[in-house]
Protein backbone atom coordinates (compact mmCIF):
# COMPACT_ATOMS: atom_id res chain seq x y z
CA MET A 1 -55.52 -4.82 37.49
CA ALA A 2 -57.19 -7.10 34.95
CA VAL A 3 -55.43 -10.19 33.67
CA ILE A 4 -55.65 -10.64 29.91
CA THR A 5 -55.44 -14.15 28.55
CA VAL A 6 -54.24 -14.54 24.98
CA GLU A 7 -55.47 -17.61 23.15
CA ARG A 8 -52.86 -19.43 21.09
CA LYS A 9 -53.60 -21.10 17.81
CA PRO A 10 -53.15 -24.89 18.20
CA LEU A 11 -50.16 -26.42 16.39
CA THR A 12 -50.79 -28.56 13.33
CA PHE A 13 -49.45 -32.12 13.10
CA LEU A 14 -46.49 -31.01 10.92
CA GLU A 15 -45.59 -28.18 13.31
CA ARG A 16 -45.63 -30.61 16.24
CA THR A 17 -43.08 -32.86 14.47
CA TYR A 18 -40.71 -29.89 13.88
CA LEU A 19 -40.11 -31.06 10.27
CA PRO A 20 -40.59 -27.58 8.72
CA GLN A 21 -37.99 -26.13 11.11
CA ILE A 22 -35.51 -28.95 10.43
CA ALA A 23 -36.01 -28.55 6.66
CA GLY A 24 -35.40 -24.80 6.97
CA GLY A 25 -32.16 -25.38 8.87
CA LEU A 26 -30.93 -27.95 6.32
CA LYS A 27 -31.79 -25.53 3.50
CA THR A 28 -29.58 -22.85 5.10
CA THR A 29 -26.75 -25.37 5.62
CA PHE A 30 -26.80 -26.59 2.02
CA LYS A 31 -26.97 -23.02 0.72
CA HIS A 32 -23.73 -22.22 2.60
CA LEU A 33 -22.05 -25.40 1.32
CA ILE A 34 -22.67 -24.35 -2.28
CA ALA A 35 -22.01 -20.59 -1.91
CA PRO A 36 -18.48 -19.22 -2.54
CA LYS A 37 -16.28 -19.00 0.54
CA LYS A 38 -16.12 -15.68 2.40
CA THR A 39 -13.14 -16.56 4.57
CA LEU A 40 -10.05 -14.32 4.41
CA GLU A 41 -6.61 -15.86 4.82
CA TYR A 42 -5.56 -13.43 7.56
CA PRO A 43 -2.95 -11.84 7.77
CA GLU A 44 -2.09 -12.24 4.06
CA GLN A 45 -5.58 -11.03 3.07
CA ARG A 46 -6.99 -8.15 5.04
CA PRO A 47 -10.45 -6.62 4.96
CA ALA A 48 -10.92 -3.23 3.36
CA ILE A 49 -10.58 -0.45 5.94
CA PRO A 50 -13.46 2.04 5.80
CA VAL A 51 -12.85 5.78 5.50
CA GLY A 52 -12.58 7.43 8.91
CA TYR A 53 -11.48 4.21 10.64
CA ARG A 54 -9.97 4.81 14.07
CA GLY A 55 -7.07 2.46 14.67
CA VAL A 56 -3.94 2.57 16.79
CA PRO A 57 -2.99 6.02 18.18
CA THR A 58 0.54 7.05 17.20
CA LEU A 59 2.83 10.06 17.37
CA VAL A 60 3.95 11.72 14.14
CA LYS A 61 6.83 13.99 13.21
CA ASP A 62 6.69 17.01 10.92
CA PRO A 63 8.19 16.84 7.38
CA ASN A 64 11.52 18.10 8.77
CA GLY A 65 11.72 15.12 11.18
CA ARG A 66 11.02 17.22 14.29
CA GLU A 67 8.81 16.09 17.15
CA LYS A 68 5.47 17.85 17.00
CA CYS A 69 4.47 16.98 20.58
CA VAL A 70 5.09 19.82 23.06
CA SER A 71 3.93 17.92 26.18
CA CYS A 72 0.82 20.03 26.70
CA GLN A 73 -0.76 16.87 28.18
CA LEU A 74 -4.23 17.63 26.79
CA CYS A 75 -4.46 14.12 25.31
CA GLU A 76 -3.61 12.64 28.70
CA PHE A 77 -6.30 14.72 30.43
CA VAL A 78 -9.02 14.01 27.88
CA CYS A 79 -8.40 10.22 27.62
CA PRO A 80 -11.48 8.53 29.20
CA PRO A 81 -9.74 5.27 30.26
CA LYS A 82 -6.51 7.09 31.25
CA ALA A 83 -4.47 5.06 28.73
CA ILE A 84 -1.98 7.89 28.01
CA ARG A 85 0.88 8.82 30.35
CA ILE A 86 3.21 11.72 29.50
CA THR A 87 6.31 12.80 31.40
CA PRO A 88 7.23 16.32 30.25
CA GLY A 89 10.89 17.13 29.78
CA GLU A 90 12.91 20.27 29.08
CA ILE A 91 14.28 20.98 25.61
CA PRO A 92 18.04 21.72 25.61
CA ALA A 93 18.82 25.29 24.57
CA ASP A 94 21.38 24.08 22.00
CA GLN A 95 18.67 22.54 19.79
CA ALA A 96 18.07 25.44 17.40
CA GLU A 97 15.53 23.51 15.32
CA ARG A 98 13.27 23.28 18.39
CA ALA A 99 13.69 26.87 19.56
CA HIS A 100 9.93 27.41 19.30
CA VAL A 101 9.18 24.81 21.98
CA GLU A 102 9.65 25.11 25.74
CA LYS A 103 9.20 21.42 26.57
CA GLY A 104 8.82 18.04 24.92
CA PRO A 105 7.87 14.56 26.04
CA GLN A 106 10.59 12.85 28.04
CA ALA A 107 8.33 9.79 28.12
CA PHE A 108 5.08 9.17 26.24
CA ASP A 109 3.27 5.88 26.84
CA ILE A 110 -0.06 4.59 25.53
CA ASP A 111 -1.44 1.44 27.14
CA MET A 112 -3.20 -0.35 24.27
CA LEU A 113 -5.03 -2.65 26.68
CA ARG A 114 -6.80 0.41 28.10
CA CYS A 115 -7.23 2.39 24.87
CA ILE A 116 -10.81 2.43 23.56
CA TYR A 117 -9.91 4.00 20.19
CA CYS A 118 -12.26 6.92 20.78
CA GLY A 119 -10.09 9.46 18.94
CA LEU A 120 -10.41 12.19 21.58
CA CYS A 121 -6.62 12.42 21.86
CA GLN A 122 -6.35 13.21 18.15
CA GLU A 123 -9.15 15.77 18.28
CA VAL A 124 -7.76 17.69 21.26
CA CYS A 125 -4.09 17.83 20.17
CA PRO A 126 -3.28 21.46 19.25
CA GLU A 127 -0.04 20.45 17.48
CA GLU A 128 -1.56 17.61 15.42
CA ALA A 129 1.08 15.33 16.90
CA ILE A 130 -1.12 12.32 17.64
CA PHE A 131 -3.07 10.44 14.97
CA LEU A 132 -5.13 7.28 14.87
CA GLN A 133 -3.64 5.18 12.09
CA ASN A 134 -5.29 2.43 10.02
CA GLN A 135 -3.45 -0.33 11.85
CA PHE A 136 -5.88 -2.56 13.75
CA SER A 137 -3.82 -5.62 14.57
CA MET A 138 -1.93 -5.23 17.85
CA SER A 139 -0.84 -8.26 19.83
CA GLY A 140 1.61 -9.21 22.52
CA TYR A 141 2.41 -11.99 24.94
CA THR A 142 2.57 -9.82 28.06
CA ARG A 143 0.91 -6.68 29.36
CA ALA A 144 4.22 -4.82 29.09
CA GLU A 145 4.37 -5.53 25.34
CA MET A 146 1.01 -3.81 24.91
CA VAL A 147 2.30 -0.48 26.21
CA ASN A 148 3.63 1.59 23.32
CA HIS A 149 6.49 3.83 24.41
CA LYS A 150 7.60 7.04 22.68
CA ASP A 151 10.03 5.39 20.23
CA ARG A 152 7.46 2.76 19.21
CA LEU A 153 4.76 5.44 18.79
CA TYR A 154 7.02 7.40 16.42
CA GLU A 155 7.93 4.20 14.56
CA LEU A 156 4.22 3.42 14.01
CA GLY A 157 3.29 7.02 13.17
CA GLY A 158 6.19 8.07 10.98
CA THR A 159 6.04 11.44 9.27
CA LEU A 160 2.84 13.04 8.05
CA PRO A 161 2.61 16.07 5.79
CA ASP A 162 2.07 19.28 7.72
CA ALA A 163 -0.50 21.45 5.96
CA HIS A 164 0.12 24.42 8.27
CA HIS A 165 3.93 24.57 8.57
CA LYS A 166 3.15 26.36 11.82
CA TRP A 167 6.62 26.30 13.34
CA ASP A 168 8.41 27.11 10.11
CA LYS A 169 6.25 30.24 9.71
CA LYS A 170 6.75 31.23 13.36
CA LYS A 171 10.50 30.75 13.13
CA ALA A 172 10.65 32.80 9.88
CA ALA A 173 8.61 35.58 11.50
CA GLU A 174 10.94 35.61 14.53
CA GLU A 175 14.01 35.78 12.27
CA HIS A 176 12.39 38.54 10.23
CA GLY A 177 11.51 40.45 13.42
CA ASN A 178 15.06 40.12 14.77
CA ALA A 179 16.51 41.43 11.50
CA HIS A 180 14.75 44.81 11.91
């Protein structure tokens, strides 16, 4: 294997004193002293959130205030860092508004220290019960505070419009079928 030697151009006197580099650095410094400030007074001022931003995963309810989650556990299985833990529970038979569902989440926890905000949980959910909201500021003093439990997830998610009204249509069809 042949060794190739590359000849370097010798430095001029000015380049050896580093004055051009120092002048360039001072020029940048003075330019930033004169320019308008770009600092935001967080949290009063927040940056604009781009379209399609993936923030904190939350659970949402349908417009009638019912839980959409049916504990299928697909989000738990698809989560790469295993940040989601669901404990399925039975739905009492006396809850007529949830007659279309066999089970619901007894416990639903998302560990925000593990979550990588990938959005796979939202994509895989057949009931559209889990959404990544625009909230990006989560903090806590302990690890336990960074685990969002079911009630906190519903508090963060709230109610989103349901474009499909899936369960209302199914319930109406069942009632119509029972009438005949």
